PDB file of all heavy atoms in Angstrom:
ATOM      1  N   ASP A   1      37.677  -8.294  16.506  1.00  0.00           N
ATOM      2  CA  ASP A   1      36.681  -8.534  15.475  1.00  0.00           C
ATOM      3  C   ASP A   1      35.662  -9.585  15.937  1.00  0.00           C
ATOM      4  O   ASP A   1      34.454  -9.420  15.739  1.00  0.00           O
ATOM      5  CB  ASP A   1      37.370  -8.981  14.180  1.00  0.00           C
ATOM      6  CG  ASP A   1      36.419  -9.026  13.017  1.00  0.00           C
ATOM      7  OD1 ASP A   1      35.639  -8.060  12.849  1.00  0.00           O
ATOM      8  OD2 ASP A   1      36.446 -10.029  12.263  1.00  0.00           O
ATOM      9  N   ILE A   2      36.125 -10.648  16.550  1.00  0.00           N
ATOM     10  CA  ILE A   2      35.230 -11.690  17.071  1.00  0.00           C
ATOM     11  C   ILE A   2      34.332 -11.120  18.173  1.00  0.00           C
ATOM     12  O   ILE A   2      33.130 -11.383  18.206  1.00  0.00           O
ATOM     13  CB  ILE A   2      36.038 -12.897  17.589  1.00  0.00           C
ATOM     14  CG1 ILE A   2      36.668 -13.643  16.400  1.00  0.00           C
ATOM     15  CG2 ILE A   2      35.163 -13.843  18.413  1.00  0.00           C
ATOM     16  CD1 ILE A   2      37.652 -14.722  16.805  1.00  0.00           C
ATOM     17  N   ALA A   3      34.900 -10.313  19.056  1.00  0.00           N
ATOM     18  CA  ALA A   3      34.120  -9.724  20.146  1.00  0.00           C
ATOM     19  C   ALA A   3      33.025  -8.811  19.598  1.00  0.00           C
ATOM     20  O   ALA A   3      31.885  -8.839  20.078  1.00  0.00           O
ATOM     21  CB  ALA A   3      35.035  -8.950  21.089  1.00  0.00           C
ATOM     22  N   HIS A   4      33.345  -8.004  18.581  1.00  0.00           N
ATOM     23  CA  HIS A   4      32.325  -7.142  17.972  1.00  0.00           C
ATOM     24  C   HIS A   4      31.232  -7.976  17.309  1.00  0.00           C
ATOM     25  O   HIS A   4      30.045  -7.641  17.396  1.00  0.00           O
ATOM     26  CB  HIS A   4      32.958  -6.184  16.960  1.00  0.00           C
ATOM     27  CG  HIS A   4      33.726  -5.064  17.577  1.00  0.00           C
ATOM     28  ND1 HIS A   4      33.160  -4.136  18.422  1.00  0.00           N
ATOM     29  CD2 HIS A   4      35.039  -4.727  17.484  1.00  0.00           C
ATOM     30  CE1 HIS A   4      34.073  -3.274  18.816  1.00  0.00           C
ATOM     31  NE2 HIS A   4      35.235  -3.612  18.265  1.00  0.00           N
ATOM     32  N   GLY A   5      31.610  -9.044  16.641  1.00  0.00           N
ATOM     33  CA  GLY A   5      30.624  -9.925  16.004  1.00  0.00           C
ATOM     34  C   GLY A   5      29.694 -10.557  17.022  1.00  0.00           C
ATOM     35  O   GLY A   5      28.483 -10.624  16.802  1.00  0.00           O
ATOM     36  N   ILE A   6      30.246 -11.005  18.129  1.00  0.00           N
ATOM     37  CA  ILE A   6      29.426 -11.607  19.188  1.00  0.00           C
ATOM     38  C   ILE A   6      28.489 -10.562  19.777  1.00  0.00           C
ATOM     39  O   ILE A   6      27.313 -10.833  20.026  1.00  0.00           O
ATOM     40  CB  ILE A   6      30.323 -12.237  20.272  1.00  0.00           C
ATOM     41  CG1 ILE A   6      31.019 -13.481  19.711  1.00  0.00           C
ATOM     42  CG2 ILE A   6      29.524 -12.570  21.522  1.00  0.00           C
ATOM     43  CD1 ILE A   6      32.077 -14.063  20.628  1.00  0.00           C
ATOM     44  N   ASN A   7      28.983  -9.350  19.969  1.00  0.00           N
ATOM     45  CA  ASN A   7      28.166  -8.271  20.515  1.00  0.00           C
ATOM     46  C   ASN A   7      27.007  -7.937  19.576  1.00  0.00           C
ATOM     47  O   ASN A   7      25.853  -7.816  20.016  1.00  0.00           O
ATOM     48  CB  ASN A   7      29.024  -7.033  20.755  1.00  0.00           C
ATOM     49  CG  ASN A   7      28.302  -5.982  21.563  1.00  0.00           C
ATOM     50  OD1 ASN A   7      27.421  -6.289  22.342  1.00  0.00           O
ATOM     51  ND2 ASN A   7      28.673  -4.731  21.366  1.00  0.00           N
ATOM     52  N   GLU A   8      27.276  -7.805  18.277  1.00  0.00           N
ATOM     53  CA  GLU A   8      26.218  -7.507  17.308  1.00  0.00           C
ATOM     54  C   GLU A   8      25.197  -8.642  17.242  1.00  0.00           C
ATOM     55  O   GLU A   8      23.995  -8.395  17.177  1.00  0.00           O
ATOM     56  CB  GLU A   8      26.821  -7.256  15.929  1.00  0.00           C
ATOM     57  CG  GLU A   8      27.588  -5.960  15.836  1.00  0.00           C
ATOM     58  CD  GLU A   8      28.332  -5.809  14.519  1.00  0.00           C
ATOM     59  OE1 GLU A   8      28.147  -6.665  13.621  1.00  0.00           O
ATOM     60  OE2 GLU A   8      29.099  -4.846  14.396  1.00  0.00           O
ATOM     61  N   HIS A   9      25.683  -9.878  17.249  1.00  0.00           N
ATOM     62  CA  HIS A   9      24.775 -11.024  17.211  1.00  0.00           C
ATOM     63  C   HIS A   9      23.910 -11.066  18.482  1.00  0.00           C
ATOM     64  O   HIS A   9      22.717 -11.367  18.413  1.00  0.00           O
ATOM     65  CB  HIS A   9      25.562 -12.318  17.061  1.00  0.00           C
ATOM     66  CG  HIS A   9      24.720 -13.527  16.879  1.00  0.00           C
ATOM     67  ND1 HIS A   9      23.969 -13.751  15.746  1.00  0.00           N
ATOM     68  CD2 HIS A   9      24.464 -14.585  17.703  1.00  0.00           C
ATOM     69  CE1 HIS A   9      23.307 -14.887  15.884  1.00  0.00           C
ATOM     70  NE2 HIS A   9      23.590 -15.409  17.058  1.00  0.00           N
ATOM     71  N   GLY A  10      24.505 -10.758  19.607  1.00  0.00           N
ATOM     72  CA  GLY A  10      23.755 -10.722  20.865  1.00  0.00           C
ATOM     73  C   GLY A  10      22.668  -9.659  20.851  1.00  0.00           C
ATOM     74  O   GLY A  10      21.546  -9.895  21.318  1.00  0.00           O
ATOM     75  N   GLU A  11      22.981  -8.479  20.292  1.00  0.00           N
ATOM     76  CA  GLU A  11      21.971  -7.427  20.192  1.00  0.00           C
ATOM     77  C   GLU A  11      20.828  -7.843  19.273  1.00  0.00           C
ATOM     78  O   GLU A  11      19.661  -7.582  19.555  1.00  0.00           O
ATOM     79  CB  GLU A  11      22.615  -6.135  19.680  1.00  0.00           C
ATOM     80  CG  GLU A  11      23.525  -5.467  20.691  1.00  0.00           C
ATOM     81  CD  GLU A  11      24.262  -4.265  20.119  1.00  0.00           C
ATOM     82  OE1 GLU A  11      23.953  -3.849  18.986  1.00  0.00           O
ATOM     83  OE2 GLU A  11      25.143  -3.748  20.812  1.00  0.00           O
ATOM     84  N   LEU A  12      21.163  -8.487  18.161  1.00  0.00           N
ATOM     85  CA  LEU A  12      20.141  -8.969  17.240  1.00  0.00           C
ATOM     86  C   LEU A  12      19.249 -10.010  17.913  1.00  0.00           C
ATOM     87  O   LEU A  12      18.020  -9.965  17.794  1.00  0.00           O
ATOM     88  CB  LEU A  12      20.794  -9.562  15.988  1.00  0.00           C
ATOM     89  CG  LEU A  12      19.847 -10.145  14.944  1.00  0.00           C
ATOM     90  CD1 LEU A  12      18.941  -9.066  14.369  1.00  0.00           C
ATOM     91  CD2 LEU A  12      20.646 -10.811  13.838  1.00  0.00           C
ATOM     92  N   MET A  13      19.864 -10.940  18.638  1.00  0.00           N
ATOM     93  CA  MET A  13      19.078 -11.964  19.337  1.00  0.00           C
ATOM     94  C   MET A  13      18.200 -11.343  20.422  1.00  0.00           C
ATOM     95  O   MET A  13      17.047 -11.746  20.595  1.00  0.00           O
ATOM     96  CB  MET A  13      20.003 -13.025  19.949  1.00  0.00           C
ATOM     97  CG  MET A  13      20.658 -13.920  18.920  1.00  0.00           C
ATOM     98  SD  MET A  13      19.475 -14.823  17.907  1.00  0.00           S
ATOM     99  CE  MET A  13      18.690 -15.828  19.121  1.00  0.00           C
ATOM    100  N   ALA A  14      18.725 -10.358  21.143  1.00  0.00           N
ATOM    101  CA  ALA A  14      17.932  -9.691  22.180  1.00  0.00           C
ATOM    102  C   ALA A  14      16.735  -8.985  21.557  1.00  0.00           C
ATOM    103  O   ALA A  14      15.620  -9.041  22.093  1.00  0.00           O
ATOM    104  CB  ALA A  14      18.800  -8.704  22.954  1.00  0.00           C
ATOM    105  N   ASP A  15      16.945  -8.343  20.408  1.00  0.00           N
ATOM    106  CA  ASP A  15      15.847  -7.673  19.711  1.00  0.00           C
ATOM    107  C   ASP A  15      14.790  -8.693  19.291  1.00  0.00           C
ATOM    108  O   ASP A  15      13.588  -8.457  19.444  1.00  0.00           O
ATOM    109  CB  ASP A  15      16.378  -6.926  18.486  1.00  0.00           C
ATOM    110  CG  ASP A  15      15.271  -6.239  17.705  1.00  0.00           C
ATOM    111  OD1 ASP A  15      14.469  -5.525  18.328  1.00  0.00           O
ATOM    112  OD2 ASP A  15      15.211  -6.431  16.469  1.00  0.00           O
ATOM    113  N   ARG A  16      15.235  -9.830  18.770  1.00  0.00           N
ATOM    114  CA  ARG A  16      14.276 -10.859  18.338  1.00  0.00           C
ATOM    115  C   ARG A  16      13.521 -11.444  19.536  1.00  0.00           C
ATOM    116  O   ARG A  16      12.347 -11.798  19.415  1.00  0.00           O
ATOM    117  CB  ARG A  16      14.993 -11.957  17.575  1.00  0.00           C
ATOM    118  CG  ARG A  16      15.493 -11.461  16.215  1.00  0.00           C
ATOM    119  CD  ARG A  16      16.104 -12.549  15.430  1.00  0.00           C
ATOM    120  NE  ARG A  16      15.013 -13.267  14.755  1.00  0.00           N
ATOM    121  CZ  ARG A  16      15.214 -14.285  13.956  1.00  0.00           C
ATOM    122  NH1 ARG A  16      16.429 -14.724  13.732  1.00  0.00           N
ATOM    123  NH2 ARG A  16      14.209 -14.882  13.374  1.00  0.00           N
ATOM    124  N   LEU A  17      14.189 -11.550  20.680  1.00  0.00           N
ATOM    125  CA  LEU A  17      13.514 -12.091  21.862  1.00  0.00           C
ATOM    126  C   LEU A  17      12.509 -11.094  22.438  1.00  0.00           C
ATOM    127  O   LEU A  17      11.479 -11.488  22.981  1.00  0.00           O
ATOM    128  CB  LEU A  17      14.537 -12.490  22.922  1.00  0.00           C
ATOM    129  CG  LEU A  17      15.386 -13.712  22.582  1.00  0.00           C
ATOM    130  CD1 LEU A  17      16.484 -13.900  23.620  1.00  0.00           C
ATOM    131  CD2 LEU A  17      14.528 -14.955  22.476  1.00  0.00           C
ATOM    132  N   ARG A  18      12.807  -9.794  22.324  1.00  0.00           N
ATOM    133  CA  ARG A  18      11.874  -8.774  22.821  1.00  0.00           C
ATOM    134  C   ARG A  18      10.699  -8.578  21.874  1.00  0.00           C
ATOM    135  O   ARG A  18       9.678  -8.034  22.252  1.00  0.00           O
ATOM    136  CB  ARG A  18      12.603  -7.440  23.019  1.00  0.00           C
ATOM    137  CG  ARG A  18      13.500  -7.388  24.229  1.00  0.00           C
ATOM    138  CD  ARG A  18      14.002  -5.979  24.494  1.00  0.00           C
ATOM    139  NE  ARG A  18      14.713  -5.410  23.366  1.00  0.00           N
ATOM    140  CZ  ARG A  18      16.026  -5.457  23.169  1.00  0.00           C
ATOM    141  NH1 ARG A  18      16.784  -6.063  24.054  1.00  0.00           N
ATOM    142  NH2 ARG A  18      16.585  -4.907  22.120  1.00  0.00           N
ATOM    143  N   THR A  19      10.860  -8.992  20.617  1.00  0.00           N
ATOM    144  CA  THR A  19       9.814  -8.840  19.610  1.00  0.00           C
ATOM    145  C   THR A  19       9.117 -10.179  19.439  1.00  0.00           C
ATOM    146  O   THR A  19       9.730 -11.151  19.032  1.00  0.00           O
ATOM    147  CB  THR A  19      10.431  -8.402  18.262  1.00  0.00           C
ATOM    148  OG1 THR A  19      11.193  -7.221  18.464  1.00  0.00           O
ATOM    149  CG2 THR A  19       9.352  -8.145  17.246  1.00  0.00           C
ATOM    150  N   ASP A  20       7.837 -10.203  19.753  1.00  0.00           N
ATOM    151  CA  ASP A  20       7.082 -11.439  19.608  1.00  0.00           C
ATOM    152  C   ASP A  20       5.627 -11.100  19.326  1.00  0.00           C
ATOM    153  O   ASP A  20       5.125 -10.063  19.765  1.00  0.00           O
ATOM    154  CB  ASP A  20       7.197 -12.286  20.877  1.00  0.00           C
ATOM    155  CG  ASP A  20       6.851 -13.747  20.637  1.00  0.00           C
ATOM    156  OD1 ASP A  20       6.618 -14.132  19.474  1.00  0.00           O
ATOM    157  OD2 ASP A  20       6.802 -14.510  21.616  1.00  0.00           O
ATOM    158  N   PHE A  21       4.977 -11.963  18.593  1.00  0.00           N
ATOM    159  CA  PHE A  21       3.571 -11.769  18.284  1.00  0.00           C
ATOM    160  C   PHE A  21       2.912 -13.128  18.122  1.00  0.00           C
ATOM    161  O   PHE A  21       3.581 -14.150  18.005  1.00  0.00           O
ATOM    162  CB  PHE A  21       3.389 -10.913  17.022  1.00  0.00           C
ATOM    163  CG  PHE A  21       3.755 -11.626  15.747  1.00  0.00           C
ATOM    164  CD1 PHE A  21       2.780 -12.195  14.945  1.00  0.00           C
ATOM    165  CD2 PHE A  21       5.073 -11.725  15.334  1.00  0.00           C
ATOM    166  CE1 PHE A  21       3.113 -12.852  13.771  1.00  0.00           C
ATOM    167  CE2 PHE A  21       5.416 -12.370  14.165  1.00  0.00           C
ATOM    168  CZ  PHE A  21       4.436 -12.938  13.377  1.00  0.00           C
ATOM    169  N   ALA A  22       1.597 -13.115  18.116  1.00  0.00           N
ATOM    170  CA  ALA A  22       0.828 -14.341  17.932  1.00  0.00           C
ATOM    171  C   ALA A  22      -0.320 -14.063  16.971  1.00  0.00           C
ATOM    172  O   ALA A  22      -0.870 -12.958  16.962  1.00  0.00           O
ATOM    173  CB  ALA A  22       0.273 -14.842  19.264  1.00  0.00           C
ATOM    174  N   ILE A  23      -0.640 -15.059  16.169  1.00  0.00           N
ATOM    175  CA  ILE A  23      -1.839 -15.011  15.336  1.00  0.00           C
ATOM    176  C   ILE A  23      -2.946 -15.617  16.190  1.00  0.00           C
ATOM    177  O   ILE A  23      -2.865 -16.784  16.565  1.00  0.00           O
ATOM    178  CB  ILE A  23      -1.643 -15.803  14.033  1.00  0.00           C
ATOM    179  CG1 ILE A  23      -0.404 -15.314  13.279  1.00  0.00           C
ATOM    180  CG2 ILE A  23      -2.894 -15.705  13.160  1.00  0.00           C
ATOM    181  CD1 ILE A  23       0.010 -16.194  12.115  1.00  0.00           C
ATOM    182  N   ILE A  24      -3.944 -14.819  16.535  1.00  0.00           N
ATOM    183  CA  ILE A  24      -4.903 -15.258  17.554  1.00  0.00           C
ATOM    184  C   ILE A  24      -6.261 -15.658  16.976  1.00  0.00           C
ATOM    185  O   ILE A  24      -7.243 -15.718  17.707  1.00  0.00           O
ATOM    186  CB  ILE A  24      -5.067 -14.193  18.662  1.00  0.00           C
ATOM    187  CG1 ILE A  24      -5.540 -12.855  18.093  1.00  0.00           C
ATOM    188  CG2 ILE A  24      -3.761 -14.017  19.421  1.00  0.00           C
ATOM    189  CD1 ILE A  24      -5.881 -11.830  19.171  1.00  0.00           C
ATOM    190  N   ASN A  25      -6.317 -15.958  15.692  1.00  0.00           N
ATOM    191  CA  ASN A  25      -7.571 -16.415  15.080  1.00  0.00           C
ATOM    192  C   ASN A  25      -7.939 -17.815  15.560  1.00  0.00           C
ATOM    193  O   ASN A  25      -7.070 -18.605  15.920  1.00  0.00           O
ATOM    194  CB  ASN A  25      -7.433 -16.482  13.558  1.00  0.00           C
ATOM    195  CG  ASN A  25      -7.463 -15.138  12.912  1.00  0.00           C
ATOM    196  OD1 ASN A  25      -6.533 -14.372  13.093  1.00  0.00           O
ATOM    197  ND2 ASN A  25      -8.507 -14.850  12.169  1.00  0.00           N
ATOM    198  N   ASP A  26      -9.223 -18.116  15.487  1.00  0.00           N
ATOM    199  CA  ASP A  26      -9.703 -19.481  15.626  1.00  0.00           C
ATOM    200  C   ASP A  26      -9.452 -20.148  14.275  1.00  0.00           C
ATOM    201  O   ASP A  26     -10.036 -19.745  13.269  1.00  0.00           O
ATOM    202  CB  ASP A  26     -11.198 -19.486  15.953  1.00  0.00           C
ATOM    203  CG  ASP A  26     -11.804 -20.874  15.982  1.00  0.00           C
ATOM    204  OD1 ASP A  26     -11.072 -21.863  15.749  1.00  0.00           O
ATOM    205  OD2 ASP A  26     -13.024 -20.971  16.227  1.00  0.00           O
ATOM    206  N   PRO A  27      -8.573 -21.140  14.203  1.00  0.00           N
ATOM    207  CA  PRO A  27      -8.217 -21.707  12.906  1.00  0.00           C
ATOM    208  C   PRO A  27      -9.373 -22.396  12.182  1.00  0.00           C
ATOM    209  O   PRO A  27      -9.317 -22.611  10.982  1.00  0.00           O
ATOM    210  CB  PRO A  27      -7.107 -22.705  13.230  1.00  0.00           C
ATOM    211  CG  PRO A  27      -7.088 -22.869  14.686  1.00  0.00           C
ATOM    212  CD  PRO A  27      -7.843 -21.749  15.297  1.00  0.00           C
ATOM    213  N   GLN A  28     -10.424 -22.726  12.905  1.00  0.00           N
ATOM    214  CA  GLN A  28     -11.583 -23.367  12.283  1.00  0.00           C
ATOM    215  C   GLN A  28     -12.625 -22.353  11.813  1.00  0.00           C
ATOM    216  O   GLN A  28     -13.614 -22.733  11.180  1.00  0.00           O
ATOM    217  CB  GLN A  28     -12.235 -24.349  13.276  1.00  0.00           C
ATOM    218  CG  GLN A  28     -11.319 -25.441  13.746  1.00  0.00           C
ATOM    219  CD  GLN A  28     -10.878 -26.365  12.614  1.00  0.00           C
ATOM    220  OE1 GLN A  28     -11.642 -26.688  11.717  1.00  0.00           O
ATOM    221  NE2 GLN A  28      -9.619 -26.776  12.647  1.00  0.00           N
ATOM    222  N   ASN A  29     -12.427 -21.068  12.169  1.00  0.00           N
ATOM    223  CA  ASN A  29     -13.449 -20.061  11.873  1.00  0.00           C
ATOM    224  C   ASN A  29     -12.786 -18.734  11.509  1.00  0.00           C
ATOM    225  O   ASN A  29     -12.839 -17.783  12.271  1.00  0.00           O
ATOM    226  CB  ASN A  29     -14.378 -19.906  13.076  1.00  0.00           C
ATOM    227  CG  ASN A  29     -15.575 -19.056  12.774  1.00  0.00           C
ATOM    228  OD1 ASN A  29     -15.936 -18.843  11.623  1.00  0.00           O
ATOM    229  ND2 ASN A  29     -16.200 -18.548  13.819  1.00  0.00           N
ATOM    230  N   ILE A  30     -12.189 -18.654  10.332  1.00  0.00           N
ATOM    231  CA  ILE A  30     -11.545 -17.429   9.859  1.00  0.00           C
ATOM    232  C   ILE A  30     -12.632 -16.497   9.323  1.00  0.00           C
ATOM    233  O   ILE A  30     -13.436 -16.901   8.467  1.00  0.00           O
ATOM    234  CB  ILE A  30     -10.512 -17.737   8.746  1.00  0.00           C
ATOM    235  CG1 ILE A  30      -9.417 -18.666   9.276  1.00  0.00           C
ATOM    236  CG2 ILE A  30      -9.925 -16.462   8.163  1.00  0.00           C
ATOM    237  CD1 ILE A  30      -8.585 -18.099  10.397  1.00  0.00           C
TER     238      ILE A  30
END
């Protein structure tokens, strides 16, 4: 059960690390 939990958590973390974005506006000029 612990091994499955670690595996699922690792997959979730890998997905979050592969998914990334940035807000690229000029904050002074929206």
